[in-house]
Structure formats: structure tokens, C-alpha cells
């Protein structure tokens, strides 16, 4: 199971990122049936979760301060972004593909979570820039949209978009200072036996997607 050492340091918080071998992280199993009912649509709507099996509708970001309630998202090549306040008082999960990044789901989620202790972030398994070729038009749109970044950071090579770099830029612009990237590329990462570690749409996988998420076991107590 893929985890973040940064998130693991947050008191009273359990988390995990899915893989091809464990679509639902083991750490989420005890509370899995309590997760919100949702439909991810590559948008920017973020929902506060207050009760078990909450009907969240169409949304791509979720947060809660309620112990025992998981927030989770489904990805294949998009970014699974998990957030937690340093004092263990609140958590969040964001599904961020290129549409969500372009439209600002990360700053929207951080604004929705409101004020409180500093937030730490873990960017989970995501398609890498080398594997993620986009149209020339989309590449130019991103270069212009994120012109505060050097062009070769947004597009390390011609028409290859770096989703992780853009996510980190948005997190830091919103004041998040502690950020960890874990898990590697969903498209090209392999285990010792040469088997793909993750599901990837770009590689042609059309089966079950991977789940990532976290929950508070207590507030600020491990």
C-alpha cells in the first residue's frame, strides 16, 4: 500500500493510496462502507462531509472534521490529493485531473476548508509528464494559464504536461508549505516482476479505478 510519511505524522489520521493490487487501501477498510456517495465529474465542487454515507452528488473534493468518517476519491491517472491539518482536526481529499487543475479545484478546496492549523498535502500516484502527452492547444492553454511558472516546468517537453508541478504550484500559492509526492507514475511504474503497479487509462486499462482517502480516528490523538 502506498502511504505518505508526511500524512502518517498527523495525529489521529489514517490514510492510503490505492494500487492495481489493492484498489481500496487496507487502512480504509474499517470505515469503507461509511464513505460519501458521489459522482466525480472533473469539476471544482467541494463538499463538507458531516454524516455516514452522505449523498454528496456531483463533486470532486471532500473534507470533514468528524472522526470516523472517511473522505475518498477515485483516480486512474489524475492526481489523488490528500490533505490534513497539522493538528489532526480536519482532512480533505481531492480528485484533480487537468480540467480540475485548470479550473482551480485545489484553491477552491483549501478555501472551502476555511481557517485553522496549517495544512499538509500528499500528492499520490499520478501520470508523469513523460507519459502525459496532450494536444498542442491544451499545452498552450496551460502555459498561458500558469504563466507564473517557467514554461519548462509546466511543459518539460513539447506537449507533455506536468500535473504534479501545477498541483504543487497551486498548493504553495495557497500557503501550503509541507508537500510530499508519493507513488510515482500510474502509467509507467512497475514492480520487481515487471507488472504495472497502478491502473492507467493512458496505458489502456479500462477496469476498476483506484481509491485513495483518509479518515480521522480521533481528533489530534493517535
Protein backbone atom coordinates (compact mmCIF):
# COMPACT_ATOMS: atom_id res chain seq x y z
CA UNK A 1 0.00 0.00 0.00
CA UNK A 2 1.22 3.48 -0.84
CA UNK A 3 1.30 5.97 2.03
CA UNK A 4 2.80 9.35 2.81
CA UNK A 5 5.25 9.76 5.68
CA UNK A 6 4.04 13.33 5.98
CA UNK A 7 0.41 12.32 6.46
CA UNK A 8 1.47 9.47 8.73
CA UNK A 9 2.92 12.07 11.09
CA UNK A 10 -0.51 13.69 11.61
CA UNK A 11 -2.05 12.58 14.94
CA UNK A 12 -5.24 10.53 14.74
CA UNK A 13 -5.25 10.21 10.95
CA UNK A 14 -5.14 7.08 8.79
CA UNK A 15 -4.78 7.14 5.01
CA UNK A 16 -3.75 5.22 1.93
CA UNK A 17 -3.48 5.39 -1.86
CA UNK A 18 -4.83 2.56 -3.98
CA UNK A 19 -2.92 0.44 -6.48
CA UNK A 20 -3.63 -2.25 -9.07
CA UNK A 21 -3.14 -4.85 -6.33
CA UNK A 22 -5.30 -3.13 -3.70
CA UNK A 23 -7.89 -0.87 -5.29
CA UNK A 24 -9.14 0.09 -1.81
CA UNK A 25 -6.28 0.84 0.62
CA UNK A 26 -6.21 -1.50 3.59
CA UNK A 27 -6.22 1.40 6.06
CA UNK A 28 -9.65 2.49 4.78
CA UNK A 29 -11.30 -0.92 5.07
CA UNK A 30 -12.72 -0.43 8.61
CA UNK A 31 -14.74 2.62 7.55
CA UNK A 32 -15.17 1.99 3.84
CA UNK A 33 -18.94 1.50 3.95
CA UNK A 34 -19.31 4.94 5.57
CA UNK A 35 -17.82 6.86 2.64
CA UNK A 36 -19.91 9.52 0.87
CA UNK A 37 -21.95 8.61 -2.19
CA UNK A 38 -20.64 10.79 -5.02
CA UNK A 39 -20.15 11.22 -8.74
CA UNK A 40 -16.84 12.68 -9.80
CA UNK A 41 -17.16 14.95 -12.84
CA UNK A 42 -13.79 16.73 -13.18
CA UNK A 43 -15.31 19.85 -11.66
CA UNK A 44 -14.46 22.16 -8.78
CA UNK A 45 -17.33 21.49 -6.36
CA UNK A 46 -16.13 20.65 -2.84
CA UNK A 47 -18.45 19.15 -0.21
CA UNK A 48 -18.25 19.12 3.58
CA UNK A 49 -19.00 15.63 4.92
CA UNK A 50 -20.93 15.50 8.19
CA UNK A 51 -22.57 12.07 8.29
CA UNK A 52 -22.03 8.44 7.20
CA UNK A 53 -22.91 7.60 3.57
CA UNK A 54 -23.73 11.24 2.89
CA UNK A 55 -25.19 11.95 -0.53
CA UNK A 56 -22.62 14.33 -1.97
CA UNK A 57 -23.88 14.45 -5.56
CA UNK A 58 -21.53 15.64 -8.29
CA UNK A 59 -18.28 16.68 -6.63
CA UNK A 60 -14.53 16.19 -6.84
CA UNK A 61 -13.43 17.41 -3.42
CA UNK A 62 -14.47 16.39 0.09
CA UNK A 63 -13.49 17.44 3.60
CA UNK A 64 -14.55 16.63 7.14
CA UNK A 65 -13.72 17.31 10.78
CA UNK A 66 -15.81 14.36 12.01
CA UNK A 67 -13.89 11.43 13.48
CA UNK A 68 -14.59 8.07 11.87
CA UNK A 69 -15.89 9.44 8.55
CA UNK A 70 -13.71 8.74 5.51
CA UNK A 71 -13.24 11.10 2.58
CA UNK A 72 -12.08 9.37 -0.58
CA UNK A 73 -11.66 9.88 -4.29
CA UNK A 74 -11.25 7.63 -7.35
CA UNK A 75 -8.45 8.07 -9.87
CA UNK A 76 -6.60 6.31 -12.66
CA UNK A 77 -4.09 8.87 -13.99
CA UNK A 78 -5.43 12.04 -12.35
CA UNK A 79 -3.99 13.41 -9.11
CA UNK A 80 -5.28 11.95 -5.84
CA UNK A 81 -4.55 14.74 -3.37
CA UNK A 82 -4.94 14.10 0.36
CA UNK A 83 -4.89 16.95 2.89
CA UNK A 84 -4.77 17.14 6.67
CA UNK A 85 -4.36 19.90 9.21
CA UNK A 86 -1.15 19.57 11.16
CA UNK A 87 -3.11 19.26 14.44
CA UNK A 88 -5.31 16.44 13.10
CA UNK A 89 -8.52 18.46 13.30
CA UNK A 90 -9.62 18.29 9.65
CA UNK A 91 -8.92 16.29 6.48
CA UNK A 92 -9.66 16.53 2.78
CA UNK A 93 -9.46 14.52 -0.44
CA UNK A 94 -9.36 15.99 -3.95
CA UNK A 95 -9.62 14.43 -7.40
CA UNK A 96 -7.63 16.71 -9.73
CA UNK A 97 -7.27 15.93 -13.42
CA UNK A 98 -6.26 18.51 -15.98
CA UNK A 99 -9.73 20.08 -16.01
CA UNK A 100 -9.85 20.40 -12.25
CA UNK A 101 -6.36 21.84 -12.09
CA UNK A 102 -7.09 24.29 -14.88
CA UNK A 103 -10.31 25.45 -13.25
CA UNK A 104 -8.83 25.69 -9.76
CA UNK A 105 -10.19 22.83 -7.65
CA UNK A 106 -7.17 22.94 -5.34
CA UNK A 107 -7.55 26.59 -4.26
CA UNK A 108 -11.32 26.05 -4.12
CA UNK A 109 -10.90 23.11 -1.73
CA UNK A 110 -8.46 24.95 0.51
CA UNK A 111 -10.80 27.93 0.68
CA UNK A 112 -13.72 25.62 1.48
CA UNK A 113 -11.78 24.06 4.36
CA UNK A 114 -11.53 27.50 5.94
CA UNK A 115 -9.15 28.74 8.63
CA UNK A 116 -7.28 26.59 11.11
CA UNK A 117 -3.96 24.89 11.75
CA UNK A 118 -1.53 24.62 8.82
CA UNK A 119 -2.45 22.08 6.14
CA UNK A 120 -0.07 19.40 4.85
CA UNK A 121 -0.55 17.74 1.48
CA UNK A 122 0.30 14.42 -0.14
CA UNK A 123 0.16 14.16 -3.93
CA UNK A 124 -0.41 10.50 -4.71
CA UNK A 125 0.29 8.26 -7.73
CA UNK A 126 -0.22 10.35 -10.87
CA UNK A 127 0.71 10.05 -14.52
CA UNK A 128 4.14 11.61 -15.10
CA UNK A 129 4.94 14.30 -17.64
CA UNK A 130 6.88 11.86 -19.84
CA UNK A 131 3.75 9.70 -20.21
CA UNK A 132 1.23 12.53 -20.40
CA UNK A 133 1.13 13.92 -23.92
CA UNK A 134 -1.69 16.38 -24.66
CA UNK A 135 -2.82 18.38 -27.66
CA UNK A 136 -0.82 21.42 -28.72
CA UNK A 137 -3.83 23.61 -27.97
CA UNK A 138 -4.20 22.28 -24.42
CA UNK A 139 -0.48 22.59 -23.80
CA UNK A 140 -0.56 26.24 -24.83
CA UNK A 141 -3.64 26.89 -22.72
CA UNK A 142 -1.81 25.57 -19.65
CA UNK A 143 1.38 27.50 -20.41
CA UNK A 144 -0.67 30.71 -20.53
CA UNK A 145 -2.90 29.86 -17.58
CA UNK A 146 0.08 29.16 -15.34
CA UNK A 147 2.48 31.76 -16.69
CA UNK A 148 3.76 32.42 -13.14
CA UNK A 149 5.69 29.16 -13.63
CA UNK A 150 8.53 28.74 -16.13
CA UNK A 151 7.24 27.17 -19.31
CA UNK A 152 9.58 24.20 -18.97
CA UNK A 153 8.08 23.42 -15.56
CA UNK A 154 4.52 23.28 -16.92
CA UNK A 155 5.67 21.55 -20.13
CA UNK A 156 9.02 19.79 -19.54
CA UNK A 157 8.98 18.63 -23.16
CA UNK A 158 6.84 19.51 -26.17
CA UNK A 159 3.13 18.79 -25.45
CA UNK A 160 3.91 16.89 -22.23
CA UNK A 161 2.08 18.34 -19.25
CA UNK A 162 3.34 18.06 -15.66
CA UNK A 163 0.23 17.75 -13.48
CA UNK A 164 2.23 17.33 -10.28
CA UNK A 165 4.17 20.57 -10.80
CA UNK A 166 0.96 22.51 -11.35
CA UNK A 167 -0.67 20.97 -8.28
CA UNK A 168 2.33 21.88 -6.13
CA UNK A 169 2.31 25.42 -7.52
CA UNK A 170 -1.35 25.84 -6.57
CA UNK A 171 -0.79 24.40 -3.10
CA UNK A 172 2.14 26.69 -2.38
CA UNK A 173 0.30 29.71 -3.77
CA UNK A 174 -2.47 28.98 -1.26
CA UNK A 175 0.01 28.83 1.62
CA UNK A 176 0.60 25.06 1.96
CA UNK A 177 4.27 24.62 2.83
CA UNK A 178 4.54 20.89 3.62
CA UNK A 179 4.00 18.83 0.45
CA UNK A 180 5.03 15.26 -0.34
CA UNK A 181 4.87 13.43 -3.68
CA UNK A 182 4.46 9.66 -3.35
CA UNK A 183 3.82 6.62 -5.50
CA UNK A 184 5.38 7.51 -8.84
CA UNK A 185 3.71 7.33 -12.26
CA UNK A 186 0.43 5.49 -12.77
CA UNK A 187 1.35 4.72 -16.37
CA UNK A 188 4.98 3.57 -16.31
CA UNK A 189 5.69 2.41 -12.73
CA UNK A 190 6.43 -1.33 -12.48
CA UNK A 191 7.19 -3.69 -9.61
CA UNK A 192 10.18 -6.05 -9.43
CA UNK A 193 8.33 -8.59 -11.56
CA UNK A 194 7.72 -6.02 -14.28
CA UNK A 195 3.99 -5.76 -13.57
CA UNK A 196 2.19 -2.39 -13.66
CA UNK A 197 1.68 -1.08 -10.13
CA UNK A 198 -1.34 1.09 -10.96
CA UNK A 199 -4.35 1.33 -13.25
CA UNK A 200 -3.86 3.77 -16.13
CA UNK A 201 -6.26 4.99 -18.78
CA UNK A 202 -3.34 6.15 -20.90
CA UNK A 203 -1.93 2.64 -20.90
CA UNK A 204 -5.29 1.25 -21.96
CA UNK A 205 -6.67 -0.09 -18.66
CA UNK A 206 -10.45 0.12 -18.56
CA UNK A 207 -11.13 -1.84 -15.39
CA UNK A 208 -11.74 -0.73 -11.84
CA UNK A 209 -10.22 2.55 -10.77
CA UNK A 210 -8.12 3.05 -7.64
CA UNK A 211 -9.43 4.60 -4.45
CA UNK A 212 -7.48 6.89 -2.16
CA UNK A 213 -8.58 8.55 1.03
CA UNK A 214 -8.20 9.18 4.72
CA UNK A 215 -10.15 9.49 7.95
CA UNK A 216 -9.77 10.76 11.48
CA UNK A 217 -9.62 8.04 14.11
CA UNK A 218 -9.75 10.73 16.77
CA UNK A 219 -9.15 14.46 16.73
CA UNK A 220 -5.50 15.05 17.29
CA UNK A 221 -4.81 11.87 19.26
CA UNK A 222 -3.07 8.84 17.84
